[in-house]
Amino acid sequence: MKAMTRLFTGLALVGAMGASVAWADQPGADWKVNKDQAEAALKGAGYTQITKIEADDGHWEGEGMKADGKQYEFKVDPHDGRIVKDELDN
């Protein structure tokens, strides 16, 4: 009985890990701006620290801090590096 419980627990764990990876967004093949370039654009716009940046919903998006010490949310266009969202994180 313990072997069956371990088997089903292991299968559930593997399934859960696989599902989380399957939902993660990846940069598109046509993206001209990589993560490092997006971070450079953000630093040029006043971000002093990038705390999170990831591919999501067709953009680079995440959070960071500016010189004022406040946390902001951002989105960077992956085709031209333009910052399309830059607002305080509430």
N, C-alpha and C. Protein backbone atom coordinates (compact mmCIF):
# COMPACT_ATOMS: atom_id res chain seq x y z
N MET A 1 0.82 -1.20 0.00
CA MET A 1 0.00 0.00 0.00
C MET A 1 0.87 1.27 0.00
N LYS A 2 1.97 1.26 0.77
CA LYS A 2 2.86 2.41 0.80
C LYS A 2 3.49 2.65 -0.56
N ALA A 3 3.80 1.59 -1.27
CA ALA A 3 4.41 1.73 -2.59
C ALA A 3 3.44 2.42 -3.55
N MET A 4 2.17 2.07 -3.49
CA MET A 4 1.17 2.70 -4.36
C MET A 4 1.02 4.18 -4.01
N THR A 5 1.01 4.50 -2.73
CA THR A 5 0.89 5.90 -2.30
C THR A 5 2.09 6.70 -2.82
N ARG A 6 3.28 6.15 -2.69
CA ARG A 6 4.48 6.83 -3.18
C ARG A 6 4.42 7.01 -4.69
N LEU A 7 3.97 6.00 -5.39
CA LEU A 7 3.87 6.07 -6.84
C LEU A 7 2.93 7.19 -7.27
N PHE A 8 1.75 7.24 -6.68
CA PHE A 8 0.78 8.26 -7.06
C PHE A 8 1.24 9.66 -6.63
N THR A 9 1.89 9.75 -5.50
CA THR A 9 2.43 11.04 -5.06
C THR A 9 3.50 11.52 -6.03
N GLY A 10 4.38 10.62 -6.43
CA GLY A 10 5.42 10.97 -7.39
C GLY A 10 4.85 11.39 -8.73
N LEU A 11 3.86 10.67 -9.22
CA LEU A 11 3.23 11.02 -10.49
C LEU A 11 2.54 12.39 -10.41
N ALA A 12 1.88 12.66 -9.31
CA ALA A 12 1.21 13.95 -9.13
C ALA A 12 2.23 15.08 -9.11
N LEU A 13 3.35 14.87 -8.45
CA LEU A 13 4.39 15.88 -8.38
C LEU A 13 5.00 16.15 -9.75
N VAL A 14 5.31 15.11 -10.48
CA VAL A 14 5.87 15.26 -11.83
C VAL A 14 4.86 15.97 -12.74
N GLY A 15 3.61 15.62 -12.64
CA GLY A 15 2.57 16.26 -13.45
C GLY A 15 2.43 17.74 -13.14
N ALA A 16 2.50 18.07 -11.86
CA ALA A 16 2.39 19.48 -11.47
C ALA A 16 3.58 20.29 -11.97
N MET A 17 4.77 19.72 -11.90
CA MET A 17 5.96 20.43 -12.38
C MET A 17 5.90 20.60 -13.89
N GLY A 18 5.46 19.61 -14.59
CA GLY A 18 5.35 19.71 -16.04
C GLY A 18 4.32 20.74 -16.47
N ALA A 19 3.23 20.83 -15.74
CA ALA A 19 2.19 21.80 -16.08
C ALA A 19 2.69 23.23 -15.91
N SER A 20 3.48 23.50 -14.88
CA SER A 20 3.95 24.86 -14.67
C SER A 20 4.94 25.27 -15.76
N VAL A 21 5.73 24.36 -16.24
CA VAL A 21 6.66 24.67 -17.32
C VAL A 21 5.91 24.90 -18.62
N ALA A 22 4.88 24.16 -18.86
CA ALA A 22 4.14 24.26 -20.11
C ALA A 22 3.46 25.63 -20.25
N TRP A 23 3.11 26.28 -19.16
CA TRP A 23 2.41 27.55 -19.22
C TRP A 23 3.34 28.75 -19.31
N ALA A 24 4.63 28.57 -19.11
CA ALA A 24 5.57 29.69 -19.13
C ALA A 24 5.69 30.23 -20.55
N ASP A 25 5.62 31.57 -20.69
CA ASP A 25 5.80 32.21 -22.00
C ASP A 25 7.27 32.20 -22.37
N GLN A 26 7.52 32.18 -23.64
CA GLN A 26 8.88 32.22 -24.17
C GLN A 26 8.97 33.40 -25.13
N PRO A 27 10.16 34.00 -25.27
CA PRO A 27 10.31 35.06 -26.27
C PRO A 27 9.97 34.53 -27.66
N GLY A 28 9.30 35.36 -28.44
CA GLY A 28 8.91 34.96 -29.79
C GLY A 28 10.10 34.91 -30.73
N ALA A 29 9.98 34.12 -31.77
CA ALA A 29 11.05 33.98 -32.75
C ALA A 29 11.32 35.31 -33.47
N ASP A 30 10.31 36.18 -33.54
CA ASP A 30 10.46 37.45 -34.24
C ASP A 30 10.87 38.61 -33.31
N TRP A 31 11.16 38.32 -32.05
CA TRP A 31 11.56 39.36 -31.11
C TRP A 31 12.96 39.83 -31.46
N LYS A 32 13.12 41.13 -31.62
CA LYS A 32 14.42 41.71 -31.96
C LYS A 32 15.15 42.21 -30.73
N VAL A 33 14.44 42.36 -29.61
CA VAL A 33 15.02 42.87 -28.37
C VAL A 33 15.12 41.72 -27.38
N ASN A 34 16.34 41.39 -26.97
CA ASN A 34 16.50 40.32 -25.97
C ASN A 34 16.39 40.90 -24.56
N LYS A 35 16.46 40.04 -23.58
CA LYS A 35 16.28 40.46 -22.18
C LYS A 35 17.32 41.51 -21.77
N ASP A 36 18.57 41.33 -22.14
CA ASP A 36 19.61 42.29 -21.79
C ASP A 36 19.36 43.66 -22.42
N GLN A 37 18.89 43.67 -23.65
CA GLN A 37 18.59 44.94 -24.32
C GLN A 37 17.39 45.63 -23.67
N ALA A 38 16.41 44.84 -23.25
CA ALA A 38 15.25 45.41 -22.55
C ALA A 38 15.69 46.04 -21.23
N GLU A 39 16.56 45.34 -20.50
CA GLU A 39 17.07 45.89 -19.24
C GLU A 39 17.85 47.18 -19.48
N ALA A 40 18.63 47.24 -20.54
CA ALA A 40 19.38 48.45 -20.87
C ALA A 40 18.43 49.62 -21.15
N ALA A 41 17.34 49.35 -21.86
CA ALA A 41 16.35 50.40 -22.14
C ALA A 41 15.73 50.90 -20.84
N LEU A 42 15.44 49.97 -19.94
CA LEU A 42 14.84 50.35 -18.66
C LEU A 42 15.81 51.19 -17.83
N LYS A 43 17.06 50.80 -17.79
CA LYS A 43 18.06 51.57 -17.03
C LYS A 43 18.21 52.97 -17.64
N GLY A 44 18.12 53.07 -18.96
CA GLY A 44 18.15 54.36 -19.62
C GLY A 44 16.95 55.23 -19.28
N ALA A 45 15.86 54.59 -18.87
CA ALA A 45 14.63 55.31 -18.50
C ALA A 45 14.56 55.58 -17.00
N GLY A 46 15.64 55.31 -16.27
CA GLY A 46 15.67 55.67 -14.85
C GLY A 46 15.56 54.53 -13.86
N TYR A 47 15.45 53.30 -14.34
CA TYR A 47 15.41 52.17 -13.42
C TYR A 47 16.81 51.93 -12.87
N THR A 48 16.90 51.82 -11.55
CA THR A 48 18.19 51.56 -10.91
C THR A 48 18.36 50.09 -10.57
N GLN A 49 17.24 49.38 -10.49
CA GLN A 49 17.28 47.95 -10.17
C GLN A 49 16.09 47.26 -10.84
N ILE A 50 16.37 46.17 -11.55
CA ILE A 50 15.33 45.34 -12.16
C ILE A 50 15.19 44.12 -11.25
N THR A 51 14.02 43.97 -10.62
CA THR A 51 13.83 42.86 -9.69
C THR A 51 13.19 41.65 -10.35
N LYS A 52 12.52 41.87 -11.49
CA LYS A 52 11.87 40.76 -12.20
C LYS A 52 11.68 41.18 -13.64
N ILE A 53 12.04 40.28 -14.56
CA ILE A 53 11.78 40.53 -15.97
C ILE A 53 11.59 39.17 -16.65
N GLU A 54 10.51 39.06 -17.44
CA GLU A 54 10.20 37.80 -18.10
C GLU A 54 9.36 38.06 -19.34
N ALA A 55 9.36 37.10 -20.23
CA ALA A 55 8.50 37.16 -21.41
C ALA A 55 7.09 36.80 -20.97
N ASP A 56 6.13 37.69 -21.28
CA ASP A 56 4.75 37.42 -20.90
C ASP A 56 3.81 38.20 -21.81
N ASP A 57 2.85 37.52 -22.37
CA ASP A 57 1.81 38.14 -23.20
C ASP A 57 2.38 39.01 -24.31
N GLY A 58 3.45 38.55 -24.95
CA GLY A 58 3.99 39.26 -26.09
C GLY A 58 4.86 40.45 -25.77
N HIS A 59 5.30 40.59 -24.52
CA HIS A 59 6.16 41.69 -24.10
C HIS A 59 7.21 41.16 -23.12
N TRP A 60 8.24 41.97 -22.90
CA TRP A 60 9.07 41.79 -21.73
C TRP A 60 8.35 42.56 -20.64
N GLU A 61 8.08 41.92 -19.52
CA GLU A 61 7.43 42.66 -18.44
C GLU A 61 8.01 42.25 -17.10
N GLY A 62 7.80 43.12 -16.14
CA GLY A 62 8.32 42.83 -14.81
C GLY A 62 8.21 44.01 -13.88
N GLU A 63 9.13 44.04 -12.92
CA GLU A 63 9.12 45.06 -11.88
C GLU A 63 10.54 45.54 -11.64
N GLY A 64 10.62 46.76 -11.17
CA GLY A 64 11.92 47.32 -10.84
C GLY A 64 11.78 48.56 -9.99
N MET A 65 12.91 49.08 -9.56
CA MET A 65 12.94 50.24 -8.70
C MET A 65 13.64 51.38 -9.43
N LYS A 66 13.12 52.58 -9.22
CA LYS A 66 13.74 53.78 -9.78
C LYS A 66 14.48 54.53 -8.68
N ALA A 67 15.15 55.60 -9.05
CA ALA A 67 15.95 56.38 -8.11
C ALA A 67 15.12 56.94 -6.95
N ASP A 68 13.81 57.07 -7.15
CA ASP A 68 12.96 57.58 -6.07
C ASP A 68 12.69 56.53 -4.99
N GLY A 69 13.22 55.30 -5.19
CA GLY A 69 13.06 54.24 -4.20
C GLY A 69 11.73 53.51 -4.27
N LYS A 70 10.91 53.83 -5.26
CA LYS A 70 9.60 53.20 -5.39
C LYS A 70 9.64 52.08 -6.41
N GLN A 71 8.76 51.10 -6.21
CA GLN A 71 8.66 49.95 -7.10
C GLN A 71 7.70 50.26 -8.25
N TYR A 72 8.12 49.93 -9.46
CA TYR A 72 7.32 50.16 -10.67
C TYR A 72 7.10 48.87 -11.43
N GLU A 73 6.01 48.83 -12.19
CA GLU A 73 5.76 47.75 -13.14
C GLU A 73 6.05 48.29 -14.53
N PHE A 74 6.56 47.42 -15.40
CA PHE A 74 6.88 47.87 -16.75
C PHE A 74 6.56 46.80 -17.77
N LYS A 75 6.45 47.25 -19.02
CA LYS A 75 6.38 46.38 -20.19
C LYS A 75 7.27 47.00 -21.25
N VAL A 76 8.04 46.16 -21.92
CA VAL A 76 8.92 46.62 -22.99
C VAL A 76 8.52 45.90 -24.27
N ASP A 77 8.33 46.67 -25.35
CA ASP A 77 8.00 46.10 -26.64
C ASP A 77 9.21 45.30 -27.15
N PRO A 78 9.01 44.02 -27.48
CA PRO A 78 10.14 43.18 -27.89
C PRO A 78 10.61 43.42 -29.33
N HIS A 79 9.91 44.27 -30.05
CA HIS A 79 10.27 44.52 -31.45
C HIS A 79 11.14 45.78 -31.60
N ASP A 80 10.88 46.79 -30.75
CA ASP A 80 11.65 48.03 -30.89
C ASP A 80 12.27 48.53 -29.58
N GLY A 81 12.03 47.84 -28.46
CA GLY A 81 12.63 48.23 -27.19
C GLY A 81 11.95 49.40 -26.50
N ARG A 82 10.83 49.84 -27.04
CA ARG A 82 10.08 50.96 -26.46
C ARG A 82 9.38 50.49 -25.18
N ILE A 83 9.42 51.33 -24.15
CA ILE A 83 8.72 51.02 -22.90
C ILE A 83 7.27 51.44 -23.08
N VAL A 84 6.36 50.45 -23.02
CA VAL A 84 4.94 50.72 -23.29
C VAL A 84 4.11 50.79 -22.02
N LYS A 85 4.70 50.39 -20.90
CA LYS A 85 4.04 50.53 -19.60
C LYS A 85 5.11 50.87 -18.59
N ASP A 86 4.84 51.88 -17.76
CA ASP A 86 5.78 52.33 -16.76
C ASP A 86 4.96 53.02 -15.67
N GLU A 87 4.54 52.24 -14.66
CA GLU A 87 3.67 52.82 -13.64
C GLU A 87 4.00 52.25 -12.26
N LEU A 88 3.63 53.02 -11.25
CA LEU A 88 3.86 52.59 -9.86
C LEU A 88 3.18 51.26 -9.60
N ASP A 89 3.86 50.40 -8.89
CA ASP A 89 3.31 49.09 -8.50
C ASP A 89 2.50 49.30 -7.23
N ASN A 90 1.21 49.13 -7.34
CA ASN A 90 0.34 49.33 -6.17
C ASN A 90 0.12 48.06 -5.44
